[in-house]
Amino acid sequence: MIEWNVDVSQQSDRKLPMDIFVPESDRLRGALLFLHGGGFVGGRKEQFLGICASAALKTGWVCASLDYRLAGKAPFPAQTEDVRAAVAYLEAHAAQWRIDTNRVALAGGSPGGCIAAQSVLMHETCARICILLNGIVNIPAFVRRNPEEADRVRAYMPDETEWERLSPHRLTNDGAAQTHFLMIHGEKDTVVLPEEIRAFEAALRRNGALAETVFLAGEGHAWFNAPEKQPRVIDCISDYINQTFSNRQ
């Protein structure tokens, strides 16, 4: 079953569309919510349409892709609020779609990864599983190295004091316990450096998370957007899910 452009906002003044793929199965399974990239101010849920559909078929999990509010129209915490609304919609259909709410995952690309990590580490939802595709994990370092992105980050977080305090790499101090993180990262990424991901993984582990990273040889930052690269994304995600979570009934 596929549900297109479902409004999960529960608000009369705005829509929050989400596409949902529900594989036919009576088996209890998890749910995976994808958050697109686009520099905080751009992008659409269709970015992950192919990955979302294929991941649902390969893992058997319910998979969804969300059009969260863009930073140019609504700053943080609007985006984590939208994630909360989307997860709440999946929870409301847990019995109907056989979703185990202990296996809810967020996956995001670049800024979508940042939003996913913030949502998980701030315990905004029941999701305790996070999959980052070249995710931004250290906001201050990201802006220092990419000054041309500063206005986009500022649109997302107008209060620059929050760039450090609410950056995923700082949120590990209080929110990492009993979370699961998978980082899928291009080893030649010059936008989010591999060493930042290694430091983030180490911080997660120090603070009680189960964390691992898959570095992909020869890949840069936005590699996952290329259609020919998407089977690799799906394989990484499905292998992680099947090995780590899908043995639960």
C-alpha atoms as a PDB file:
ATOM      1  CA  MET A   1       0.000   0.000   0.000  1.00  0.00           C
ATOM      2  CA  ILE A   2       1.162   3.520  -0.779  1.00  0.00           C
ATOM      3  CA  GLU A   3      -0.326   6.677   0.680  1.00  0.00           C
ATOM      4  CA  TRP A   4       0.691   9.833  -1.173  1.00  0.00           C
ATOM      5  CA  ASN A   5       0.808  13.348   0.293  1.00  0.00           C
ATOM      6  CA  VAL A   6      -0.839  12.443   3.575  1.00  0.00           C
ATOM      7  CA  ASP A   7      -1.231  15.574   5.697  1.00  0.00           C
ATOM      8  CA  VAL A   8       0.223  14.710   9.104  1.00  0.00           C
ATOM      9  CA  SER A   9       0.275  18.260  10.506  1.00  0.00           C
ATOM     10  CA  GLN A  10      -3.007  18.091  12.445  1.00  0.00           C
ATOM     11  CA  GLN A  11      -3.059  21.868  11.954  1.00  0.00           C
ATOM     12  CA  SER A  12      -5.808  23.781  10.155  1.00  0.00           C
ATOM     13  CA  ASP A  13      -3.511  26.542   8.888  1.00  0.00           C
ATOM     14  CA  ARG A  14      -0.858  24.454   7.114  1.00  0.00           C
ATOM     15  CA  LYS A  15      -0.186  21.124   5.483  1.00  0.00           C
ATOM     16  CA  LEU A  16       2.649  18.722   6.211  1.00  0.00           C
ATOM     17  CA  PRO A  17       2.667  16.143   3.403  1.00  0.00           C
ATOM     18  CA  MET A  18       4.254  12.726   3.766  1.00  0.00           C
ATOM     19  CA  ASP A  19       4.438   9.746   1.398  1.00  0.00           C
ATOM     20  CA  ILE A  20       4.116   6.379   3.131  1.00  0.00           C
ATOM     21  CA  PHE A  21       5.023   2.921   1.843  1.00  0.00           C
ATOM     22  CA  VAL A  22       3.456   0.021   3.751  1.00  0.00           C
ATOM     23  CA  PRO A  23       4.604  -3.432   2.574  1.00  0.00           C
ATOM     24  CA  GLU A  24       1.995  -6.181   2.835  1.00  0.00           C
ATOM     25  CA  SER A  25       2.882  -8.212   5.897  1.00  0.00           C
ATOM     26  CA  ASP A  26       1.402  -9.430   9.173  1.00  0.00           C
ATOM     27  CA  ARG A  27       4.843  -9.418  10.739  1.00  0.00           C
ATOM     28  CA  LEU A  28       5.670  -6.883  13.428  1.00  0.00           C
ATOM     29  CA  ARG A  29       8.232  -4.473  11.953  1.00  0.00           C
ATOM     30  CA  GLY A  30       9.790  -1.079  12.394  1.00  0.00           C
ATOM     31  CA  ALA A  31       9.184   2.239  10.651  1.00  0.00           C
ATOM     32  CA  LEU A  32      11.719   4.463   8.935  1.00  0.00           C
ATOM     33  CA  LEU A  33      11.155   8.180   8.270  1.00  0.00           C
ATOM     34  CA  PHE A  34      13.346   9.920   5.683  1.00  0.00           C
ATOM     35  CA  LEU A  35      14.238  13.623   5.882  1.00  0.00           C
ATOM     36  CA  HIS A  36      15.531  15.172   2.665  1.00  0.00           C
ATOM     37  CA  GLY A  37      18.549  17.420   2.167  1.00  0.00           C
ATOM     38  CA  GLY A  38      18.673  20.843   0.563  1.00  0.00           C
ATOM     39  CA  GLY A  39      20.702  23.133   2.785  1.00  0.00           C
ATOM     40  CA  PHE A  40      17.886  23.614   5.346  1.00  0.00           C
ATOM     41  CA  VAL A  41      16.093  26.028   2.974  1.00  0.00           C
ATOM     42  CA  GLY A  42      15.379  23.745  -0.001  1.00  0.00           C
ATOM     43  CA  GLY A  43      14.585  20.198  -1.031  1.00  0.00           C
ATOM     44  CA  ARG A  44      11.476  18.030  -1.209  1.00  0.00           C
ATOM     45  CA  LYS A  45      10.375  14.647   0.039  1.00  0.00           C
ATOM     46  CA  GLU A  46      10.667  13.283  -3.506  1.00  0.00           C
ATOM     47  CA  GLN A  47      14.456  13.309  -3.074  1.00  0.00           C
ATOM     48  CA  PHE A  48      14.118  10.053  -1.169  1.00  0.00           C
ATOM     49  CA  LEU A  49      11.183   8.628  -3.110  1.00  0.00           C
ATOM     50  CA  GLY A  50      13.128   5.810  -4.790  1.00  0.00           C
ATOM     51  CA  ILE A  51      15.167   4.996  -1.688  1.00  0.00           C
ATOM     52  CA  CYS A  52      12.034   5.024   0.469  1.00  0.00           C
ATOM     53  CA  ALA A  53      10.081   2.658  -1.788  1.00  0.00           C
ATOM     54  CA  SER A  54      13.009   0.294  -2.272  1.00  0.00           C
ATOM     55  CA  ALA A  55      13.895   0.269   1.427  1.00  0.00           C
ATOM     56  CA  ALA A  56      10.304  -0.665   2.281  1.00  0.00           C
ATOM     57  CA  LEU A  57      10.413  -3.602  -0.120  1.00  0.00           C
ATOM     58  CA  LYS A  58      13.861  -4.780   0.962  1.00  0.00           C
ATOM     59  CA  THR A  59      13.434  -4.458   4.735  1.00  0.00           C
ATOM     60  CA  GLY A  60       9.700  -5.024   5.121  1.00  0.00           C
ATOM     61  CA  TRP A  61       9.531  -1.904   7.289  1.00  0.00           C
ATOM     62  CA  VAL A  62       7.026   0.891   6.852  1.00  0.00           C
ATOM     63  CA  CYS A  63       8.966   3.718   5.169  1.00  0.00           C
ATOM     64  CA  ALA A  64       7.937   7.337   4.754  1.00  0.00           C
ATOM     65  CA  SER A  65       9.357  10.561   3.335  1.00  0.00           C
ATOM     66  CA  LEU A  66       8.383  13.922   4.827  1.00  0.00           C
ATOM     67  CA  ASP A  67       8.139  17.463   3.478  1.00  0.00           C
ATOM     68  CA  TYR A  68       9.187  19.220   6.681  1.00  0.00           C
ATOM     69  CA  ARG A  69       8.952  23.022   6.843  1.00  0.00           C
ATOM     70  CA  LEU A  70      11.922  24.730   5.223  1.00  0.00           C
ATOM     71  CA  ALA A  71      14.030  27.166   7.213  1.00  0.00           C
ATOM     72  CA  GLY A  72      13.240  30.069   4.889  1.00  0.00           C
ATOM     73  CA  LYS A  73       9.642  29.895   6.062  1.00  0.00           C
ATOM     74  CA  ALA A  74       9.955  28.577   9.613  1.00  0.00           C
ATOM     75  CA  PRO A  75      13.094  28.377  11.773  1.00  0.00           C
ATOM     76  CA  PHE A  76      14.066  25.701  14.279  1.00  0.00           C
ATOM     77  CA  PRO A  77      12.383  24.052  16.158  1.00  0.00           C
ATOM     78  CA  ALA A  78       9.702  23.892  13.434  1.00  0.00           C
ATOM     79  CA  GLN A  79      11.562  21.060  11.733  1.00  0.00           C
ATOM     80  CA  THR A  80      11.819  18.831  14.808  1.00  0.00           C
ATOM     81  CA  GLU A  81       8.166  19.629  15.553  1.00  0.00           C
ATOM     82  CA  ASP A  82       7.304  18.378  12.067  1.00  0.00           C
ATOM     83  CA  VAL A  83       9.284  15.205  12.686  1.00  0.00           C
ATOM     84  CA  ARG A  84       7.336  14.751  15.918  1.00  0.00           C
ATOM     85  CA  ALA A  85       4.028  15.099  14.030  1.00  0.00           C
ATOM     86  CA  ALA A  86       5.132  12.596  11.389  1.00  0.00           C
ATOM     87  CA  VAL A  87       6.234  10.023  13.957  1.00  0.00           C
ATOM     88  CA  ALA A  88       2.995  10.559  15.883  1.00  0.00           C
ATOM     89  CA  TYR A  89       1.073   9.724  12.707  1.00  0.00           C
ATOM     90  CA  LEU A  90       3.027   6.486  12.320  1.00  0.00           C
ATOM     91  CA  GLU A  91       2.423   5.668  15.991  1.00  0.00           C
ATOM     92  CA  ALA A  92      -1.302   6.283  15.545  1.00  0.00           C
ATOM     93  CA  HIS A  93      -1.323   3.644  12.796  1.00  0.00           C
ATOM     94  CA  ALA A  94       0.981   1.226  14.613  1.00  0.00           C
ATOM     95  CA  ALA A  95      -1.688  -1.419  15.205  1.00  0.00           C
ATOM     96  CA  GLN A  96      -3.056  -1.166  11.662  1.00  0.00           C
ATOM     97  CA  TRP A  97       0.371  -1.341   9.993  1.00  0.00           C
ATOM     98  CA  ARG A  98       1.996  -3.697  12.536  1.00  0.00           C
ATOM     99  CA  ILE A  99       4.637  -1.134  13.591  1.00  0.00           C
ATOM    100  CA  ASP A 100       6.789  -1.853  16.625  1.00  0.00           C
ATOM    101  CA  THR A 101       7.169   1.611  18.141  1.00  0.00           C
ATOM    102  CA  ASN A 102      10.434   0.497  19.757  1.00  0.00           C
ATOM    103  CA  ARG A 103      11.870   0.284  16.260  1.00  0.00           C
ATOM    104  CA  VAL A 104      11.200   3.718  14.812  1.00  0.00           C
ATOM    105  CA  ALA A 105      14.120   5.196  12.880  1.00  0.00           C
ATOM    106  CA  LEU A 106      14.897   8.587  11.377  1.00  0.00           C
ATOM    107  CA  ALA A 107      17.131   8.867   8.327  1.00  0.00           C
ATOM    108  CA  GLY A 108      18.356  12.106   6.806  1.00  0.00           C
ATOM    109  CA  GLY A 109      20.686  13.450   4.176  1.00  0.00           C
ATOM    110  CA  SER A 110      23.067  16.328   5.017  1.00  0.00           C
ATOM    111  CA  PRO A 111      20.817  18.908   6.814  1.00  0.00           C
ATOM    112  CA  GLY A 112      18.097  16.271   7.015  1.00  0.00           C
ATOM    113  CA  GLY A 113      20.633  14.197   8.920  1.00  0.00           C
ATOM    114  CA  CYS A 114      21.219  17.077  11.303  1.00  0.00           C
ATOM    115  CA  ILE A 115      17.473  17.377  11.949  1.00  0.00           C
ATOM    116  CA  ALA A 116      17.175  13.607  12.409  1.00  0.00           C
ATOM    117  CA  ALA A 117      20.064  13.513  14.873  1.00  0.00           C
ATOM    118  CA  GLN A 118      18.712  16.470  16.833  1.00  0.00           C
ATOM    119  CA  SER A 119      15.273  14.847  17.023  1.00  0.00           C
ATOM    120  CA  VAL A 120      16.690  11.574  18.313  1.00  0.00           C
ATOM    121  CA  LEU A 121      19.209  13.056  20.737  1.00  0.00           C
ATOM    122  CA  MET A 122      16.713  15.581  22.124  1.00  0.00           C
ATOM    123  CA  HIS A 123      14.212  12.715  22.557  1.00  0.00           C
ATOM    124  CA  GLU A 124      11.620  14.618  20.551  1.00  0.00           C
ATOM    125  CA  THR A 125       9.862  11.378  19.554  1.00  0.00           C
ATOM    126  CA  CYS A 126       9.916   7.670  20.339  1.00  0.00           C
ATOM    127  CA  ALA A 127      12.612   7.263  17.653  1.00  0.00           C
ATOM    128  CA  ARG A 128      15.916   6.040  19.073  1.00  0.00           C
ATOM    129  CA  ILE A 129      17.443   4.903  15.783  1.00  0.00           C
ATOM    130  CA  CYS A 130      19.168   7.367  13.454  1.00  0.00           C
ATOM    131  CA  ILE A 131      20.731   6.875  10.020  1.00  0.00           C
ATOM    132  CA  LEU A 132      22.824   9.730   8.633  1.00  0.00           C
ATOM    133  CA  LEU A 133      23.749  10.106   4.967  1.00  0.00           C
ATOM    134  CA  ASN A 134      26.646  12.556   5.054  1.00  0.00           C
ATOM    135  CA  GLY A 135      24.794  14.233   7.912  1.00  0.00           C
ATOM    136  CA  ILE A 136      25.840  17.562   9.396  1.00  0.00           C
ATOM    137  CA  VAL A 137      26.862  16.683  12.963  1.00  0.00           C
ATOM    138  CA  ASN A 138      28.963  19.707  14.003  1.00  0.00           C
ATOM    139  CA  ILE A 139      27.139  22.903  13.029  1.00  0.00           C
ATOM    140  CA  PRO A 140      29.861  25.432  14.044  1.00  0.00           C
ATOM    141  CA  ALA A 141      32.565  23.484  12.201  1.00  0.00           C
ATOM    142  CA  PHE A 142      30.302  23.146   9.165  1.00  0.00           C
ATOM    143  CA  VAL A 143      29.803  26.920   8.980  1.00  0.00           C
ATOM    144  CA  ARG A 144      33.484  27.721   9.543  1.00  0.00           C
ATOM    145  CA  ARG A 145      34.504  25.468   6.694  1.00  0.00           C
ATOM    146  CA  ASN A 146      31.588  26.421   4.426  1.00  0.00           C
ATOM    147  CA  PRO A 147      31.011  30.159   5.020  1.00  0.00           C
ATOM    148  CA  GLU A 148      28.786  30.334   1.962  1.00  0.00           C
ATOM    149  CA  GLU A 149      26.306  28.185   3.919  1.00  0.00           C
ATOM    150  CA  ALA A 150      26.137  30.553   6.906  1.00  0.00           C
ATOM    151  CA  ASP A 151      22.966  32.330   5.771  1.00  0.00           C
ATOM    152  CA  ARG A 152      21.184  29.013   5.322  1.00  0.00           C
ATOM    153  CA  VAL A 153      22.198  27.830   8.770  1.00  0.00           C
ATOM    154  CA  ARG A 154      21.208  31.225  10.169  1.00  0.00           C
ATOM    155  CA  ALA A 155      17.773  30.833   8.580  1.00  0.00           C
ATOM    156  CA  TYR A 156      17.499  27.480  10.345  1.00  0.00           C
ATOM    157  CA  MET A 157      18.847  28.717  13.698  1.00  0.00           C
ATOM    158  CA  PRO A 158      18.683  32.533  13.890  1.00  0.00           C
ATOM    159  CA  ASP A 159      20.176  32.454  17.392  1.00  0.00           C
ATOM    160  CA  GLU A 160      23.831  31.667  16.702  1.00  0.00           C
ATOM    161  CA  THR A 161      24.423  30.662  20.319  1.00  0.00           C
ATOM    162  CA  GLU A 162      22.338  27.594  19.558  1.00  0.00           C
ATOM    163  CA  TRP A 163      24.709  26.461  16.809  1.00  0.00           C
ATOM    164  CA  GLU A 164      27.035  25.036  19.440  1.00  0.00           C
ATOM    165  CA  ARG A 165      24.562  24.191  22.208  1.00  0.00           C
ATOM    166  CA  LEU A 166      22.106  22.316  19.968  1.00  0.00           C
ATOM    167  CA  SER A 167      24.558  20.838  17.498  1.00  0.00           C
ATOM    168  CA  PRO A 168      24.298  17.021  17.341  1.00  0.00           C
ATOM    169  CA  HIS A 169      27.901  16.643  18.512  1.00  0.00           C
ATOM    170  CA  ARG A 170      27.022  18.477  21.756  1.00  0.00           C
ATOM    171  CA  LEU A 171      23.680  16.747  22.273  1.00  0.00           C
ATOM    172  CA  THR A 172      25.498  13.435  22.655  1.00  0.00           C
ATOM    173  CA  ASN A 173      26.383  14.475  26.215  1.00  0.00           C
ATOM    174  CA  ASP A 174      22.835  14.047  27.490  1.00  0.00           C
ATOM    175  CA  GLY A 175      20.815  12.238  24.839  1.00  0.00           C
ATOM    176  CA  ALA A 176      22.924   9.418  23.423  1.00  0.00           C
ATOM    177  CA  ALA A 177      22.162   6.676  25.919  1.00  0.00           C
ATOM    178  CA  GLN A 178      20.247   3.733  24.437  1.00  0.00           C
ATOM    179  CA  THR A 179      20.232   5.158  20.917  1.00  0.00           C
ATOM    180  CA  HIS A 180      21.446   3.494  17.728  1.00  0.00           C
ATOM    181  CA  PHE A 181      23.317   5.451  15.057  1.00  0.00           C
ATOM    182  CA  LEU A 182      24.491   4.453  11.605  1.00  0.00           C
ATOM    183  CA  MET A 183      26.551   6.976   9.638  1.00  0.00           C
ATOM    184  CA  ILE A 184      26.922   6.342   5.900  1.00  0.00           C
ATOM    185  CA  HIS A 185      29.541   8.781   4.692  1.00  0.00           C
ATOM    186  CA  GLY A 186      31.634   9.530   1.647  1.00  0.00           C
ATOM    187  CA  GLU A 187      35.310   9.188   2.505  1.00  0.00           C
ATOM    188  CA  LYS A 188      36.134  12.167   0.259  1.00  0.00           C
ATOM    189  CA  ASP A 189      33.495  14.502   1.667  1.00  0.00           C
ATOM    190  CA  THR A 190      34.961  18.006   2.012  1.00  0.00           C
ATOM    191  CA  VAL A 191      31.690  19.560   3.251  1.00  0.00           C
ATOM    192  CA  VAL A 192      31.276  17.343   6.316  1.00  0.00           C
ATOM    193  CA  LEU A 193      34.720  15.934   6.995  1.00  0.00           C
ATOM    194  CA  PRO A 194      35.154  12.227   7.778  1.00  0.00           C
ATOM    195  CA  GLU A 195      37.072  13.131  10.947  1.00  0.00           C
ATOM    196  CA  GLU A 196      33.978  14.955  12.247  1.00  0.00           C
ATOM    197  CA  ILE A 197      31.971  11.783  11.761  1.00  0.00           C
ATOM    198  CA  ARG A 198      34.629   9.737  13.559  1.00  0.00           C
ATOM    199  CA  ALA A 199      34.574  12.200  16.471  1.00  0.00           C
ATOM    200  CA  PHE A 200      30.768  12.092  16.543  1.00  0.00           C
ATOM    201  CA  GLU A 201      30.770   8.294  16.573  1.00  0.00           C
ATOM    202  CA  ALA A 202      33.284   8.278  19.429  1.00  0.00           C
ATOM    203  CA  ALA A 203      31.182  10.764  21.437  1.00  0.00           C
ATOM    204  CA  LEU A 204      28.049   8.694  20.880  1.00  0.00           C
ATOM    205  CA  ARG A 205      29.782   5.570  22.141  1.00  0.00           C
ATOM    206  CA  ARG A 206      31.236   7.328  25.172  1.00  0.00           C
ATOM    207  CA  ASN A 207      27.748   8.406  26.136  1.00  0.00           C
ATOM    208  CA  GLY A 208      25.995   5.065  25.798  1.00  0.00           C
ATOM    209  CA  ALA A 209      24.950   4.790  22.148  1.00  0.00           C
ATOM    210  CA  LEU A 210      25.536   1.917  19.772  1.00  0.00           C
ATOM    211  CA  ALA A 211      27.163   3.627  16.805  1.00  0.00           C
ATOM    212  CA  GLU A 212      28.918   2.581  13.623  1.00  0.00           C
ATOM    213  CA  THR A 213      30.071   4.227  10.422  1.00  0.00           C
ATOM    214  CA  VAL A 214      30.310   2.978   6.862  1.00  0.00           C
ATOM    215  CA  PHE A 215      32.772   5.038   4.822  1.00  0.00           C
ATOM    216  CA  LEU A 216      32.265   4.734   1.086  1.00  0.00           C
ATOM    217  CA  ALA A 217      35.411   4.856  -1.006  1.00  0.00           C
ATOM    218  CA  GLY A 218      35.618   7.636  -3.563  1.00  0.00           C
ATOM    219  CA  GLU A 219      32.360   9.352  -2.589  1.00  0.00           C
ATOM    220  CA  GLY A 220      31.957  13.043  -1.774  1.00  0.00           C
ATOM    221  CA  HIS A 221      29.116  14.880  -0.046  1.00  0.00           C
ATOM    222  CA  ALA A 222      25.838  14.570  -1.968  1.00  0.00           C
ATOM    223  CA  TRP A 223      26.595  11.229  -3.604  1.00  0.00           C
ATOM    224  CA  PHE A 224      23.344   9.687  -2.352  1.00  0.00           C
ATOM    225  CA  ASN A 225      21.268  11.977  -4.624  1.00  0.00           C
ATOM    226  CA  ALA A 226      22.534  10.277  -7.796  1.00  0.00           C
ATOM    227  CA  PRO A 227      20.088   7.558  -8.948  1.00  0.00           C
ATOM    228  CA  GLU A 228      22.903   5.146  -9.771  1.00  0.00           C
ATOM    229  CA  LYS A 229      24.190   5.435  -6.187  1.00  0.00           C
ATOM    230  CA  GLN A 230      20.871   4.717  -4.503  1.00  0.00           C
ATOM    231  CA  PRO A 231      21.138   0.910  -4.562  1.00  0.00           C
ATOM    232  CA  ARG A 232      24.220   1.337  -2.382  1.00  0.00           C
ATOM    233  CA  VAL A 233      22.224   3.414   0.092  1.00  0.00           C
ATOM    234  CA  ILE A 234      19.473   0.824   0.198  1.00  0.00           C
ATOM    235  CA  ASP A 235      21.937  -2.024   0.705  1.00  0.00           C
ATOM    236  CA  CYS A 236      23.643  -0.230   3.615  1.00  0.00           C
ATOM    237  CA  ILE A 237      20.340   0.596   5.297  1.00  0.00           C
ATOM    238  CA  SER A 238      18.753  -2.806   4.785  1.00  0.00           C
ATOM    239  CA  ASP A 239      21.873  -4.657   5.956  1.00  0.00           C
ATOM    240  CA  TYR A 240      21.955  -2.534   9.113  1.00  0.00           C
ATOM    241  CA  ILE A 241      18.241  -2.998   9.817  1.00  0.00           C
ATOM    242  CA  ASN A 242      18.225  -6.716   9.102  1.00  0.00           C
ATOM    243  CA  GLN A 243      21.338  -7.413  11.170  1.00  0.00           C
ATOM    244  CA  THR A 244      20.459  -5.168  14.102  1.00  0.00           C
ATOM    245  CA  PHE A 245      16.678  -5.040  14.465  1.00  0.00           C
ATOM    246  CA  SER A 246      14.681  -7.356  12.241  1.00  0.00           C
ATOM    247  CA  ASN A 247      15.218 -10.449  14.376  1.00  0.00           C
ATOM    248  CA  ARG A 248      12.736  -9.048  16.881  1.00  0.00           C
ATOM    249  CA  GLN A 249       9.189 -10.386  16.618  1.00  0.00           C
END
